[in-house]
C-alpha atoms as a PDB file:
ATOM      1  CA  UNK A   1      78.657  96.514 122.533  1.00  0.00           C
ATOM      2  CA  UNK A   2      82.927  95.414 122.096  1.00  0.00           C
ATOM      3  CA  UNK A   3      83.775  96.363 118.611  1.00  0.00           C
ATOM      4  CA  UNK A   4      86.723  93.968 117.769  1.00  0.00           C
ATOM      5  CA  UNK A   5      89.168  95.208 115.558  1.00  0.00           C
ATOM      6  CA  UNK A   6      92.859  93.608 116.483  1.00  0.00           C
ATOM      7  CA  UNK A   7      92.683  91.818 113.313  1.00  0.00           C
ATOM      8  CA  UNK A   8      90.124  89.756 110.907  1.00  0.00           C
ATOM      9  CA  UNK A   9      91.887  86.671 112.489  1.00  0.00           C
ATOM     10  CA  UNK A  10      89.412  87.516 115.532  1.00  0.00           C
ATOM     11  CA  UNK A  11      85.963  86.195 113.099  1.00  0.00           C
ATOM     12  CA  UNK A  12      83.973  83.553 114.362  1.00  0.00           C
ATOM     13  CA  UNK A  13      81.651  80.896 112.304  1.00  0.00           C
ATOM     14  CA  UNK A  14      77.914  82.275 111.485  1.00  0.00           C
ATOM     15  CA  UNK A  15      75.182  80.211 112.906  1.00  0.00           C
ATOM     16  CA  UNK A  16      74.763  79.278 109.489  1.00  0.00           C
ATOM     17  CA  UNK A  17      78.695  78.448 109.220  1.00  0.00           C
ATOM     18  CA  UNK A  18      78.243  76.114 112.155  1.00  0.00           C
ATOM     19  CA  UNK A  19      75.349  74.333 110.952  1.00  0.00           C
ATOM     20  CA  UNK A  20      77.635  74.236 107.969  1.00  0.00           C
ATOM     21  CA  UNK A  21      79.940  71.815 109.739  1.00  0.00           C
ATOM     22  CA  UNK A  22      77.865  69.889 111.973  1.00  0.00           C
ATOM     23  CA  UNK A  23      76.440  67.987 108.888  1.00  0.00           C
ATOM     24  CA  UNK A  24      79.558  67.184 107.509  1.00  0.00           C
ATOM     25  CA  UNK A  25      80.499  64.295 106.619  1.00  0.00           C
ATOM     26  CA  UNK A  26      84.468  62.971 107.364  1.00  0.00           C
ATOM     27  CA  UNK A  27      86.807  60.681 107.132  1.00  0.00           C
ATOM     28  CA  UNK A  28      90.545  60.232 107.763  1.00  0.00           C
ATOM     29  CA  UNK A  29      92.453  62.504 105.955  1.00  0.00           C
ATOM     30  CA  UNK A  30      95.910  61.270 106.715  1.00  0.00           C
ATOM     31  CA  UNK A  31      94.565  58.744 104.208  1.00  0.00           C
ATOM     32  CA  UNK A  32      93.060  60.908 101.338  1.00  0.00           C
ATOM     33  CA  UNK A  33      89.689  59.601 103.319  1.00  0.00           C
ATOM     34  CA  UNK A  34      87.611  62.311 104.277  1.00  0.00           C
ATOM     35  CA  UNK A  35      85.651  63.453 101.323  1.00  0.00           C
ATOM     36  CA  UNK A  36      84.758  66.739 102.472  1.00  0.00           C
ATOM     37  CA  UNK A  37      87.888  67.958 103.189  1.00  0.00           C
ATOM     38  CA  UNK A  38      88.678  66.379  98.854  1.00  0.00           C
ATOM     39  CA  UNK A  39      85.767  68.403  98.052  1.00  0.00           C
ATOM     40  CA  UNK A  40      87.280  72.277  99.496  1.00  0.00           C
ATOM     41  CA  UNK A  41      90.355  71.000  97.069  1.00  0.00           C
ATOM     42  CA  UNK A  42      89.202  70.630  94.663  1.00  0.00           C
ATOM     43  CA  UNK A  43      86.555  74.031  94.446  1.00  0.00           C
ATOM     44  CA  UNK A  44      89.187  76.057  95.425  1.00  0.00           C
ATOM     45  CA  UNK A  45      91.975  74.952  93.130  1.00  0.00           C
ATOM     46  CA  UNK A  46      88.669  74.936  90.132  1.00  0.00           C
ATOM     47  CA  UNK A  47      88.604  77.926  91.270  1.00  0.00           C
ATOM     48  CA  UNK A  48      91.813  79.011  90.203  1.00  0.00           C
ATOM     49  CA  UNK A  49      92.567  77.318  87.971  1.00  0.00           C
ATOM     50  CA  UNK A  50      95.117  75.513  88.819  1.00  0.00           C
ATOM     51  CA  UNK A  51      95.865  70.786  89.248  1.00  0.00           C
ATOM     52  CA  UNK A  52      95.407  70.536  93.476  1.00  0.00           C
ATOM     53  CA  UNK A  53      95.059  72.028  96.402  1.00  0.00           C
ATOM     54  CA  UNK A  54      95.364  70.832 100.060  1.00  0.00           C
ATOM     55  CA  UNK A  55      94.112  72.392 103.861  1.00  0.00           C
ATOM     56  CA  UNK A  56      96.577  73.657 106.125  1.00  0.00           C
ATOM     57  CA  UNK A  57      95.659  74.438 110.096  1.00  0.00           C
ATOM     58  CA  UNK A  58      97.085  77.612 108.871  1.00  0.00           C
ATOM     59  CA  UNK A  59      98.810  79.924 106.802  1.00  0.00           C
ATOM     60  CA  UNK A  60     101.552  80.081 108.671  1.00  0.00           C
ATOM     61  CA  UNK A  61     102.394  76.222 107.621  1.00  0.00           C
ATOM     62  CA  UNK A  62     100.692  76.774 104.164  1.00  0.00           C
ATOM     63  CA  UNK A  63     103.491  79.460 102.946  1.00  0.00           C
ATOM     64  CA  UNK A  64     106.144  77.766 104.976  1.00  0.00           C
ATOM     65  CA  UNK A  65     105.676  75.757 102.706  1.00  0.00           C
ATOM     66  CA  UNK A  66     105.066  76.658 100.270  1.00  0.00           C
ATOM     67  CA  UNK A  67     109.053  78.483 100.068  1.00  0.00           C
ATOM     68  CA  UNK A  68     110.035  75.190 100.933  1.00  0.00           C
ATOM     69  CA  UNK A  69     109.291  73.417  97.992  1.00  0.00           C
ATOM     70  CA  UNK A  70     110.501  75.730  95.664  1.00  0.00           C
ATOM     71  CA  UNK A  71     113.935  75.860  97.647  1.00  0.00           C
ATOM     72  CA  UNK A  72     117.257  74.195  98.878  1.00  0.00           C
ATOM     73  CA  UNK A  73     119.000  74.463 102.543  1.00  0.00           C
ATOM     74  CA  UNK A  74     121.410  77.796 101.014  1.00  0.00           C
ATOM     75  CA  UNK A  75     119.479  78.887  98.232  1.00  0.00           C
ATOM     76  CA  UNK A  76     117.083  82.393  98.605  1.00  0.00           C
ATOM     77  CA  UNK A  77     114.542  83.648  97.997  1.00  0.00           C
ATOM     78  CA  UNK A  78     113.152  88.135  96.969  1.00  0.00           C
ATOM     79  CA  UNK A  79     110.298  89.050  99.711  1.00  0.00           C
ATOM     80  CA  UNK A  80     109.398  93.182 100.358  1.00  0.00           C
ATOM     81  CA  UNK A  81     111.440  93.762 103.367  1.00  0.00           C
ATOM     82  CA  UNK A  82     107.057  94.044 105.231  1.00  0.00           C
ATOM     83  CA  UNK A  83     106.460  90.441 103.644  1.00  0.00           C
ATOM     84  CA  UNK A  84     104.762  88.368 105.772  1.00  0.00           C
ATOM     85  CA  UNK A  85     106.908  84.954 104.881  1.00  0.00           C
ATOM     86  CA  UNK A  86     109.917  87.178 106.237  1.00  0.00           C
ATOM     87  CA  UNK A  87     108.768  89.641 109.637  1.00  0.00           C
ATOM     88  CA  UNK A  88     105.464  87.226 110.849  1.00  0.00           C
ATOM     89  CA  UNK A  89     106.688  83.297 110.033  1.00  0.00           C
ATOM     90  CA  UNK A  90     109.492  83.310 113.129  1.00  0.00           C
ATOM     91  CA  UNK A  91     112.151  83.175 111.019  1.00  0.00           C
ATOM     92  CA  UNK A  92     110.135  79.591 108.941  1.00  0.00           C
ATOM     93  CA  UNK A  93     112.312  80.260 105.692  1.00  0.00           C
ATOM     94  CA  UNK A  94     115.356  80.061 107.946  1.00  0.00           C
ATOM     95  CA  UNK A  95     114.495  77.523 110.758  1.00  0.00           C
ATOM     96  CA  UNK A  96     112.385  74.919 107.833  1.00  0.00           C
ATOM     97  CA  UNK A  97     114.089  75.738 105.106  1.00  0.00           C
ATOM     98  CA  UNK A  98     117.613  76.449 105.411  1.00  0.00           C
ATOM     99  CA  UNK A  99     117.661  80.218 103.300  1.00  0.00           C
ATOM    100  CA  UNK A 100     118.158  83.666 103.313  1.00  0.00           C
ATOM    101  CA  UNK A 101     116.272  86.457 102.111  1.00  0.00           C
ATOM    102  CA  UNK A 102     116.430  89.136  99.662  1.00  0.00           C
ATOM    103  CA  UNK A 103     114.815  91.887 100.913  1.00  0.00           C
ATOM    104  CA  UNK A 104     113.338  94.413  98.385  1.00  0.00           C
ATOM    105  CA  UNK A 105     112.542  98.720  99.410  1.00  0.00           C
ATOM    106  CA  UNK A 106     108.910  98.590  98.462  1.00  0.00           C
ATOM    107  CA  UNK A 107     106.107 100.890  98.449  1.00  0.00           C
ATOM    108  CA  UNK A 108     103.800  99.497 101.398  1.00  0.00           C
ATOM    109  CA  UNK A 109     104.804  95.996 101.301  1.00  0.00           C
ATOM    110  CA  UNK A 110     104.329  95.765  96.990  1.00  0.00           C
ATOM    111  CA  UNK A 111     107.936  96.216  94.568  1.00  0.00           C
ATOM    112  CA  UNK A 112     108.583  95.831  90.743  1.00  0.00           C
ATOM    113  CA  UNK A 113     109.751  94.065  88.050  1.00  0.00           C
ATOM    114  CA  UNK A 114     112.750  95.944  87.737  1.00  0.00           C
ATOM    115  CA  UNK A 115     114.030  95.264  91.349  1.00  0.00           C
ATOM    116  CA  UNK A 116     113.419  91.751  90.931  1.00  0.00           C
ATOM    117  CA  UNK A 117     116.059  90.930  88.114  1.00  0.00           C
ATOM    118  CA  UNK A 118     117.936  93.693  90.095  1.00  0.00           C
ATOM    119  CA  UNK A 119     118.083  91.560  92.844  1.00  0.00           C
ATOM    120  CA  UNK A 120     118.292  88.776  91.511  1.00  0.00           C
ATOM    121  CA  UNK A 121     122.684  86.422  91.774  1.00  0.00           C
ATOM    122  CA  UNK A 122     123.903  85.685  89.135  1.00  0.00           C
ATOM    123  CA  UNK A 123     124.174  81.885  89.733  1.00  0.00           C
ATOM    124  CA  UNK A 124     127.947  80.663  88.375  1.00  0.00           C
ATOM    125  CA  UNK A 125     129.157  82.701  91.256  1.00  0.00           C
ATOM    126  CA  UNK A 126     129.170  80.548  93.902  1.00  0.00           C
ATOM    127  CA  UNK A 127     130.763  83.411  96.366  1.00  0.00           C
ATOM    128  CA  UNK A 128     126.346  83.833  96.645  1.00  0.00           C
ATOM    129  CA  UNK A 129     123.498  82.502  97.411  1.00  0.00           C
ATOM    130  CA  UNK A 130     121.311  81.361  94.899  1.00  0.00           C
ATOM    131  CA  UNK A 131     118.265  83.012  93.916  1.00  0.00           C
ATOM    132  CA  UNK A 132     115.657  80.199  93.175  1.00  0.00           C
ATOM    133  CA  UNK A 133     111.775  82.127  94.314  1.00  0.00           C
ATOM    134  CA  UNK A 134     110.129  85.169  94.496  1.00  0.00           C
ATOM    135  CA  UNK A 135     107.215  85.583  97.061  1.00  0.00           C
ATOM    136  CA  UNK A 136     104.705  88.396  96.917  1.00  0.00           C
ATOM    137  CA  UNK A 137     101.957  88.991  99.200  1.00  0.00           C
ATOM    138  CA  UNK A 138      98.586  90.688  98.359  1.00  0.00           C
ATOM    139  CA  UNK A 139      96.960  92.375  99.520  1.00  0.00           C
ATOM    140  CA  UNK A 140      99.580  93.723 102.250  1.00  0.00           C
ATOM    141  CA  UNK A 141      99.946  93.271 105.627  1.00  0.00           C
ATOM    142  CA  UNK A 142     101.670  95.188 106.367  1.00  0.00           C
ATOM    143  CA  UNK A 143     101.754  97.533 103.316  1.00  0.00           C
ATOM    144  CA  UNK A 144      97.326  98.619 105.111  1.00  0.00           C
ATOM    145  CA  UNK A 145      95.572  96.146 102.750  1.00  0.00           C
ATOM    146  CA  UNK A 146      96.951  97.681  99.563  1.00  0.00           C
ATOM    147  CA  UNK A 147      96.376  95.640  96.634  1.00  0.00           C
ATOM    148  CA  UNK A 148      99.264  94.928  93.648  1.00  0.00           C
ATOM    149  CA  UNK A 149      98.695  95.489  89.993  1.00  0.00           C
ATOM    150  CA  UNK A 150      98.041  92.851  88.178  1.00  0.00           C
ATOM    151  CA  UNK A 151     100.300  93.857  85.209  1.00  0.00           C
ATOM    152  CA  UNK A 152     102.953  94.324  87.377  1.00  0.00           C
ATOM    153  CA  UNK A 153     102.473  90.933  88.835  1.00  0.00           C
ATOM    154  CA  UNK A 154     103.100  89.851  85.439  1.00  0.00           C
ATOM    155  CA  UNK A 155     106.144  91.915  84.525  1.00  0.00           C
ATOM    156  CA  UNK A 156     107.583  89.927  87.367  1.00  0.00           C
ATOM    157  CA  UNK A 157     106.281  86.954  86.050  1.00  0.00           C
ATOM    158  CA  UNK A 158     107.957  87.274  82.670  1.00  0.00           C
ATOM    159  CA  UNK A 159     111.099  87.836  84.810  1.00  0.00           C
ATOM    160  CA  UNK A 160     111.058  84.383  86.635  1.00  0.00           C
ATOM    161  CA  UNK A 161     110.567  82.215  83.636  1.00  0.00           C
ATOM    162  CA  UNK A 162     113.741  84.920  82.725  1.00  0.00           C
ATOM    163  CA  UNK A 163     115.553  83.388  84.932  1.00  0.00           C
ATOM    164  CA  UNK A 164     114.291  80.109  86.318  1.00  0.00           C
ATOM    165  CA  UNK A 165     112.144  80.978  89.344  1.00  0.00           C
ATOM    166  CA  UNK A 166     109.398  79.997  90.985  1.00  0.00           C
ATOM    167  CA  UNK A 167     107.344  82.335  92.052  1.00  0.00           C
ATOM    168  CA  UNK A 168     105.313  82.543  94.696  1.00  0.00           C
ATOM    169  CA  UNK A 169     101.869  84.254  96.277  1.00  0.00           C
ATOM    170  CA  UNK A 170     100.691  84.562 100.085  1.00  0.00           C
ATOM    171  CA  UNK A 171      96.947  85.334  99.189  1.00  0.00           C
ATOM    172  CA  UNK A 172      96.419  85.794 102.811  1.00  0.00           C
ATOM    173  CA  UNK A 173      93.701  87.690 102.200  1.00  0.00           C
ATOM    174  CA  UNK A 174      93.153  88.200  98.137  1.00  0.00           C
ATOM    175  CA  UNK A 175      89.829  87.956  97.497  1.00  0.00           C
ATOM    176  CA  UNK A 176      89.846  90.923  99.623  1.00  0.00           C
ATOM    177  CA  UNK A 177      92.345  92.115  96.257  1.00  0.00           C
ATOM    178  CA  UNK A 178      90.085  90.594  94.178  1.00  0.00           C
ATOM    179  CA  UNK A 179      86.960  91.822  95.258  1.00  0.00           C
ATOM    180  CA  UNK A 180      89.159  95.356  95.831  1.00  0.00           C
ATOM    181  CA  UNK A 181      89.771  95.320  92.116  1.00  0.00           C
ATOM    182  CA  UNK A 182      87.377  92.860  90.151  1.00  0.00           C
ATOM    183  CA  UNK A 183      89.671  90.885  89.469  1.00  0.00           C
ATOM    184  CA  UNK A 184      88.989  86.915  89.162  1.00  0.00           C
ATOM    185  CA  UNK A 185      90.250  83.812  90.940  1.00  0.00           C
ATOM    186  CA  UNK A 186      92.015  82.757  87.844  1.00  0.00           C
ATOM    187  CA  UNK A 187      94.061  85.894  86.782  1.00  0.00           C
ATOM    188  CA  UNK A 188      96.389  84.560  89.989  1.00  0.00           C
ATOM    189  CA  UNK A 189      96.334  80.754  89.440  1.00  0.00           C
ATOM    190  CA  UNK A 190      97.710  81.634  85.800  1.00  0.00           C
ATOM    191  CA  UNK A 191     100.517  83.237  87.822  1.00  0.00           C
ATOM    192  CA  UNK A 192     101.595  82.264  89.866  1.00  0.00           C
ATOM    193  CA  UNK A 193     103.531  78.669  90.998  1.00  0.00           C
ATOM    194  CA  UNK A 194     101.768  78.121  94.359  1.00  0.00           C
ATOM    195  CA  UNK A 195      98.973  80.270  95.915  1.00  0.00           C
ATOM    196  CA  UNK A 196      98.197  80.562  99.189  1.00  0.00           C
ATOM    197  CA  UNK A 197      94.509  81.243 100.743  1.00  0.00           C
ATOM    198  CA  UNK A 198      93.886  81.745 103.927  1.00  0.00           C
ATOM    199  CA  UNK A 199      90.005  80.537 105.181  1.00  0.00           C
ATOM    200  CA  UNK A 200      89.840  82.332 108.488  1.00  0.00           C
ATOM    201  CA  UNK A 201      90.363  86.529 108.196  1.00  0.00           C
ATOM    202  CA  UNK A 202      88.104  88.356 105.966  1.00  0.00           C
ATOM    203  CA  UNK A 203      85.737  84.643 104.604  1.00  0.00           C
ATOM    204  CA  UNK A 204      84.799  83.658 108.306  1.00  0.00           C
ATOM    205  CA  UNK A 205      86.648  80.306 108.844  1.00  0.00           C
ATOM    206  CA  UNK A 206      87.208  79.471 112.782  1.00  0.00           C
ATOM    207  CA  UNK A 207      90.470  78.235 111.007  1.00  0.00           C
ATOM    208  CA  UNK A 208      92.668  76.873 108.063  1.00  0.00           C
ATOM    209  CA  UNK A 209      94.154  77.931 104.585  1.00  0.00           C
ATOM    210  CA  UNK A 210      95.054  76.337 101.610  1.00  0.00           C
ATOM    211  CA  UNK A 211      98.092  75.986  99.118  1.00  0.00           C
ATOM    212  CA  UNK A 212      97.115  76.113  95.618  1.00  0.00           C
ATOM    213  CA  UNK A 213     100.034  74.263  92.615  1.00  0.00           C
ATOM    214  CA  UNK A 214     100.443  71.664  90.394  1.00  0.00           C
ATOM    215  CA  UNK A 215      99.730  67.459  90.434  1.00  0.00           C
ATOM    216  CA  UNK A 216     104.318  67.719  91.549  1.00  0.00           C
ATOM    217  CA  UNK A 217     103.083  70.772  94.687  1.00  0.00           C
ATOM    218  CA  UNK A 218     100.929  69.218  96.132  1.00  0.00           C
ATOM    219  CA  UNK A 219     102.435  65.669  96.001  1.00  0.00           C
ATOM    220  CA  UNK A 220     105.826  67.250  97.581  1.00  0.00           C
ATOM    221  CA  UNK A 221     103.526  69.402 100.304  1.00  0.00           C
ATOM    222  CA  UNK A 222     102.176  65.933 101.959  1.00  0.00           C
ATOM    223  CA  UNK A 223     105.057  65.094 102.889  1.00  0.00           C
ATOM    224  CA  UNK A 224     105.738  68.145 103.975  1.00  0.00           C
ATOM    225  CA  UNK A 225     102.481  68.682 105.645  1.00  0.00           C
ATOM    226  CA  UNK A 226     103.216  66.319 107.989  1.00  0.00           C
ATOM    227  CA  UNK A 227     106.828  66.823 108.096  1.00  0.00           C
ATOM    228  CA  UNK A 228     105.973  69.732 109.712  1.00  0.00           C
ATOM    229  CA  UNK A 229     103.072  68.190 111.924  1.00  0.00           C
ATOM    230  CA  UNK A 230     100.366  68.775 110.385  1.00  0.00           C
ATOM    231  CA  UNK A 231      98.455  66.688 108.792  1.00  0.00           C
ATOM    232  CA  UNK A 232      95.126  65.504 110.901  1.00  0.00           C
ATOM    233  CA  UNK A 233      92.035  63.202 110.609  1.00  0.00           C
ATOM    234  CA  UNK A 234      88.528  64.539 110.462  1.00  0.00           C
ATOM    235  CA  UNK A 235      89.891  68.258 109.570  1.00  0.00           C
ATOM    236  CA  UNK A 236      85.406  67.722 107.632  1.00  0.00           C
ATOM    237  CA  UNK A 237      83.806  69.727 109.846  1.00  0.00           C
ATOM    238  CA  UNK A 238      86.857  72.171 109.627  1.00  0.00           C
ATOM    239  CA  UNK A 239      86.465  72.483 105.269  1.00  0.00           C
ATOM    240  CA  UNK A 240      83.293  72.516 105.336  1.00  0.00           C
ATOM    241  CA  UNK A 241      83.310  75.584 106.780  1.00  0.00           C
ATOM    242  CA  UNK A 242      85.873  76.484 104.531  1.00  0.00           C
ATOM    243  CA  UNK A 243      84.077  75.407 101.591  1.00  0.00           C
ATOM    244  CA  UNK A 244      80.434  77.578 103.578  1.00  0.00           C
ATOM    245  CA  UNK A 245      82.799  81.018 103.387  1.00  0.00           C
ATOM    246  CA  UNK A 246      83.345  80.136  99.463  1.00  0.00           C
ATOM    247  CA  UNK A 247      79.702  79.839  99.329  1.00  0.00           C
ATOM    248  CA  UNK A 248      78.898  82.299 100.540  1.00  0.00           C
ATOM    249  CA  UNK A 249      81.156  85.384 102.004  1.00  0.00           C
ATOM    250  CA  UNK A 250      83.555  86.442  99.325  1.00  0.00           C
ATOM    251  CA  UNK A 251      80.510  89.261  97.766  1.00  0.00           C
ATOM    252  CA  UNK A 252      79.944  90.654 100.772  1.00  0.00           C
ATOM    253  CA  UNK A 253      84.398  91.542 101.524  1.00  0.00           C
ATOM    254  CA  UNK A 254      82.734  94.804  99.743  1.00  0.00           C
ATOM    255  CA  UNK A 255      81.090  96.147 103.238  1.00  0.00           C
ATOM    256  CA  UNK A 256      84.238  95.711 105.354  1.00  0.00           C
ATOM    257  CA  UNK A 257      85.968  97.905 102.841  1.00  0.00           C
ATOM    258  CA  UNK A 258      83.079 100.664 102.905  1.00  0.00           C
ATOM    259  CA  UNK A 259      82.952 100.077 106.587  1.00  0.00           C
ATOM    260  CA  UNK A 260      86.756 100.579 106.587  1.00  0.00           C
ATOM    261  CA  UNK A 261      87.000 103.693 104.064  1.00  0.00           C
ATOM    262  CA  UNK A 262      84.964 104.981 106.478  1.00  0.00           C
ATOM    263  CA  UNK A 263      86.552 104.707 109.824  1.00  0.00           C
ATOM    264  CA  UNK A 264      89.284 106.157 107.929  1.00  0.00           C
ATOM    265  CA  UNK A 265      87.272 108.828 106.806  1.00  0.00           C
ATOM    266  CA  UNK A 266      87.452 110.306 110.574  1.00  0.00           C
ATOM    267  CA  UNK A 267      90.194 108.793 111.143  1.00  0.00           C
ATOM    268  CA  UNK A 268      91.807 112.026 109.413  1.00  0.00           C
ATOM    269  CA  UNK A 269      89.310 114.649 109.844  1.00  0.00           C
ATOM    270  CA  UNK A 270      91.453 114.379 114.211  1.00  0.00           C
ATOM    271  CA  UNK A 271      93.533 116.582 115.799  1.00  0.00           C
ATOM    272  CA  UNK A 272      95.571 113.541 117.495  1.00  0.00           C
ATOM    273  CA  UNK A 273      95.491 111.463 114.517  1.00  0.00           C
ATOM    274  CA  UNK A 274      99.203 112.521 111.841  1.00  0.00           C
ATOM    275  CA  UNK A 275      98.011 110.504 108.908  1.00  0.00           C
ATOM    276  CA  UNK A 276      96.495 108.102 107.534  1.00  0.00           C
ATOM    277  CA  UNK A 277      97.787 104.925 104.848  1.00  0.00           C
ATOM    278  CA  UNK A 278      95.608 105.127 101.940  1.00  0.00           C
ATOM    279  CA  UNK A 279      92.345 102.180 102.508  1.00  0.00           C
ATOM    280  CA  UNK A 280      91.753  99.968  99.488  1.00  0.00           C
ATOM    281  CA  UNK A 281      90.660  96.954 101.298  1.00  0.00           C
ATOM    282  CA  UNK A 282      89.689  96.307 105.285  1.00  0.00           C
ATOM    283  CA  UNK A 283      92.855  96.480 106.877  1.00  0.00           C
ATOM    284  CA  UNK A 284      93.296 100.490 108.701  1.00  0.00           C
ATOM    285  CA  UNK A 285      96.342 101.788 109.476  1.00  0.00           C
ATOM    286  CA  UNK A 286      97.901 105.186 111.073  1.00  0.00           C
ATOM    287  CA  UNK A 287      99.642 107.266 112.717  1.00  0.00           C
ATOM    288  CA  UNK A 288      99.605 109.377 115.832  1.00  0.00           C
ATOM    289  CA  UNK A 289     100.071 113.443 116.196  1.00  0.00           C
ATOM    290  CA  UNK A 290     103.820 113.137 117.974  1.00  0.00           C
ATOM    291  CA  UNK A 291     102.491 114.696 121.201  1.00  0.00           C
ATOM    292  CA  UNK A 292      99.504 111.954 121.962  1.00  0.00           C
ATOM    293  CA  UNK A 293     100.956 108.479 123.772  1.00  0.00           C
ATOM    294  CA  UNK A 294     100.688 105.572 121.434  1.00  0.00           C
ATOM    295  CA  UNK A 295      99.804 103.739 124.414  1.00  0.00           C
ATOM    296  CA  UNK A 296      97.189 106.523 125.501  1.00  0.00           C
ATOM    297  CA  UNK A 297      94.939 106.226 122.692  1.00  0.00           C
ATOM    298  CA  UNK A 298      95.076 102.783 122.443  1.00  0.00           C
ATOM    299  CA  UNK A 299      93.596 102.262 126.409  1.00  0.00           C
ATOM    300  CA  UNK A 300      91.430 105.368 125.222  1.00  0.00           C
ATOM    301  CA  UNK A 301      89.747 103.300 122.547  1.00  0.00           C
ATOM    302  CA  UNK A 302      90.155 100.329 124.988  1.00  0.00           C
ATOM    303  CA  UNK A 303      87.897 102.112 127.216  1.00  0.00           C
ATOM    304  CA  UNK A 304      85.273 102.655 125.018  1.00  0.00           C
ATOM    305  CA  UNK A 305      85.073  98.721 124.558  1.00  0.00           C
ATOM    306  CA  UNK A 306      86.766  99.214 120.927  1.00  0.00           C
ATOM    307  CA  UNK A 307      90.002  97.380 120.393  1.00  0.00           C
ATOM    308  CA  UNK A 308      92.720  97.821 118.401  1.00  0.00           C
ATOM    309  CA  UNK A 309      96.675  97.072 118.031  1.00  0.00           C
ATOM    310  CA  UNK A 310      99.846  98.323 117.450  1.00  0.00           C
ATOM    311  CA  UNK A 311     102.612  96.842 114.569  1.00  0.00           C
ATOM    312  CA  UNK A 312     105.617  99.271 115.951  1.00  0.00           C
ATOM    313  CA  UNK A 313     107.643 101.588 114.523  1.00  0.00           C
ATOM    314  CA  UNK A 314     104.245 104.636 115.186  1.00  0.00           C
ATOM    315  CA  UNK A 315     101.660 102.395 113.232  1.00  0.00           C
ATOM    316  CA  UNK A 316      98.758 101.746 114.632  1.00  0.00           C
ATOM    317  CA  UNK A 317      95.659  98.946 112.456  1.00  0.00           C
ATOM    318  CA  UNK A 318      92.202  99.037 112.263  1.00  0.00           C
ATOM    319  CA  UNK A 319      90.855  96.193 111.058  1.00  0.00           C
ATOM    320  CA  UNK A 320      87.047  95.335 109.413  1.00  0.00           C
ATOM    321  CA  UNK A 321      85.984  92.167 109.006  1.00  0.00           C
ATOM    322  CA  UNK A 322      82.295  90.118 109.141  1.00  0.00           C
ATOM    323  CA  UNK A 323      81.563  90.198 112.975  1.00  0.00           C
ATOM    324  CA  UNK A 324      81.927  94.263 112.691  1.00  0.00           C
ATOM    325  CA  UNK A 325      78.359  95.231 111.670  1.00  0.00           C
ATOM    326  CA  UNK A 326      76.923  99.098 110.828  1.00  0.00           C
ATOM    327  CA  UNK A 327      76.219 100.061 114.505  1.00  0.00           C
ATOM    328  CA  UNK A 328      80.286  99.260 115.173  1.00  0.00           C
ATOM    329  CA  UNK A 329      81.124 101.246 112.438  1.00  0.00           C
ATOM    330  CA  UNK A 330      78.693 104.439 113.912  1.00  0.00           C
ATOM    331  CA  UNK A 331      80.340 104.165 117.487  1.00  0.00           C
ATOM    332  CA  UNK A 332      83.607 103.665 116.358  1.00  0.00           C
ATOM    333  CA  UNK A 333      83.446 106.687 114.549  1.00  0.00           C
ATOM    334  CA  UNK A 334      81.615 108.844 117.363  1.00  0.00           C
ATOM    335  CA  UNK A 335      84.164 107.425 119.820  1.00  0.00           C
ATOM    336  CA  UNK A 336      87.414 108.637 117.368  1.00  0.00           C
ATOM    337  CA  UNK A 337      85.301 112.561 116.459  1.00  0.00           C
ATOM    338  CA  UNK A 338      84.787 112.742 120.446  1.00  0.00           C
ATOM    339  CA  UNK A 339      87.868 111.768 121.743  1.00  0.00           C
ATOM    340  CA  UNK A 340      89.210 113.450 124.503  1.00  0.00           C
ATOM    341  CA  UNK A 341      92.698 112.745 125.667  1.00  0.00           C
END
């Protein structure tokens, strides 16, 4: 039994999802003629109360399209120092949009409205990049699956409105946050100008992300997606997986959260672990005791068929998902309890 806790991106479609995909009606999406893609886009837009949505092959392309929609070269985006759009998208904000980033020193990937307000450059000062966009990530990846406080997000929204800034949500794992905090998609749809949603993490689809926004935003997104090479043909087979995921795999995310917390409790009791970050959703981030070699620890788990990843700076990560069963969690806990280094 291999327990793959490297990421929730390692999920594979269930037989039921595959069957649903194989029966999808498809057409040429470049001509906006794929009926299943259209159904998915309308479904997610309605769910969040947005005017429109567009299917993309990856979350990175989705976020980078949103950044390009909201900015011009030479402008500035405010985000957290741990933000995915800054750290893990290949420098795309600079390469694709020609913008700089103002990095806020938040708490586990989350900042507050006062920090945003203080970071906004004076638009009349020609020596400074013009601030035009604020980007938020919920849940925070490097922050250990942390969930933002909705009231703080509303405060940031008011700052954005006051200073005429666009407001984008990298919602790669937003449904984890919605389930964990008993919030609704429409609460987020009301706040953000654009939202990216990933289908291929906890929701279990093999490929795909969606960008949500106004009709004007999505019209721009069509052109940018083409520019980025993301226009696809009979994409309905993949869109069908997204439809199935939205219909069947949201509520079950709470199981992943329970699994993560149970593994986290075992880690806290291990003599090899110095710290376990608070666990709210499906991501477990922890630090080893200084006497323990990171590579040796990872290899020891690998030898027991438990796969995890390093995030650098002494942080290790485990991620639960629909491919992790109760038995796999029990095995992981037993290995942690009996590990000898």
